[in-house]
C-alpha atoms as a PDB file:
ATOM      1  CA  MET A   1     -32.814  41.419-177.983  1.00  0.00           C
ATOM      2  CA  GLU A   2     -35.911  41.528-180.917  1.00  0.00           C
ATOM      3  CA  ALA A   3     -36.242  45.447-179.942  1.00  0.00           C
ATOM      4  CA  CYS A   4     -32.435  46.121-180.307  1.00  0.00           C
ATOM      5  CA  GLU A   5     -32.631  43.718-183.596  1.00  0.00           C
ATOM      6  CA  ILE A   6     -29.757  41.501-182.115  1.00  0.00           C
ATOM      7  CA  GLU A   7     -29.538  37.925-183.602  1.00  0.00           C
ATOM      8  CA  GLU A   8     -30.109  34.352-181.781  1.00  0.00           C
ATOM      9  CA  GLY A   9     -26.560  33.339-182.343  1.00  0.00           C
ATOM     10  CA  ASN A  10     -24.660  36.058-180.324  1.00  0.00           C
ATOM     11  CA  ARG A  11     -27.148  36.057-177.765  1.00  0.00           C
ATOM     12  CA  GLY A  12     -24.197  34.923-175.214  1.00  0.00           C
ATOM     13  CA  THR A  13     -22.004  36.861-176.113  1.00  0.00           C
ATOM     14  CA  VAL A  14     -24.317  40.185-176.143  1.00  0.00           C
ATOM     15  CA  GLU A  15     -25.362  38.471-172.432  1.00  0.00           C
ATOM     16  CA  ARG A  16     -21.746  37.975-171.414  1.00  0.00           C
ATOM     17  CA  MET A  17     -21.093  41.774-173.072  1.00  0.00           C
ATOM     18  CA  VAL A  18     -23.905  43.252-170.616  1.00  0.00           C
ATOM     19  CA  MET A  19     -23.163  41.379-168.097  1.00  0.00           C
ATOM     20  CA  THR A  20     -19.241  42.561-167.717  1.00  0.00           C
ATOM     21  CA  ALA A  21     -20.403  45.974-168.289  1.00  0.00           C
ATOM     22  CA  LEU A  22     -22.262  46.152-165.143  1.00  0.00           C
ATOM     23  CA  TRP A  23     -19.801  44.137-163.072  1.00  0.00           C
ATOM     24  CA  CYS A  24     -17.948  47.486-163.938  1.00  0.00           C
ATOM     25  CA  VAL A  25     -19.825  50.027-162.763  1.00  0.00           C
ATOM     26  CA  GLN A  26     -20.326  49.584-159.768  1.00  0.00           C
ATOM     27  CA  TYR A  27     -20.702  51.961-157.317  1.00  0.00           C
ATOM     28  CA  ARG A  28     -18.421  50.295-154.133  1.00  0.00           C
ATOM     29  CA  ALA A  29     -15.506  50.340-155.611  1.00  0.00           C
ATOM     30  CA  GLU A  30     -14.007  46.831-154.073  1.00  0.00           C
ATOM     31  CA  ARG A  31     -16.831  45.198-155.486  1.00  0.00           C
ATOM     32  CA  ARG A  32     -15.291  46.294-159.054  1.00  0.00           C
ATOM     33  CA  PRO A  33     -13.021  43.764-161.879  1.00  0.00           C
ATOM     34  CA  LEU A  34      -9.142  44.279-161.491  1.00  0.00           C
ATOM     35  CA  MET A  35      -9.893  45.323-165.572  1.00  0.00           C
ATOM     36  CA  SER A  36      -7.261  42.489-165.866  1.00  0.00           C
ATOM     37  CA  MET A  37      -9.988  40.485-165.583  1.00  0.00           C
ATOM     38  CA  VAL A  38     -12.663  42.674-167.903  1.00  0.00           C
ATOM     39  CA  VAL A  39     -10.533  42.225-170.568  1.00  0.00           C
ATOM     40  CA  LYS A  40      -9.500  38.466-170.598  1.00  0.00           C
END
């Protein structure tokens, strides 16, 4: 987080965004979430 200059107060939001992004790029399509779940 420090290397990207992300403030500690935003850590939870950043972690959630990264996990969602990684979830969306799964190799197998059936492991990817539906877009309706992503935008919630």
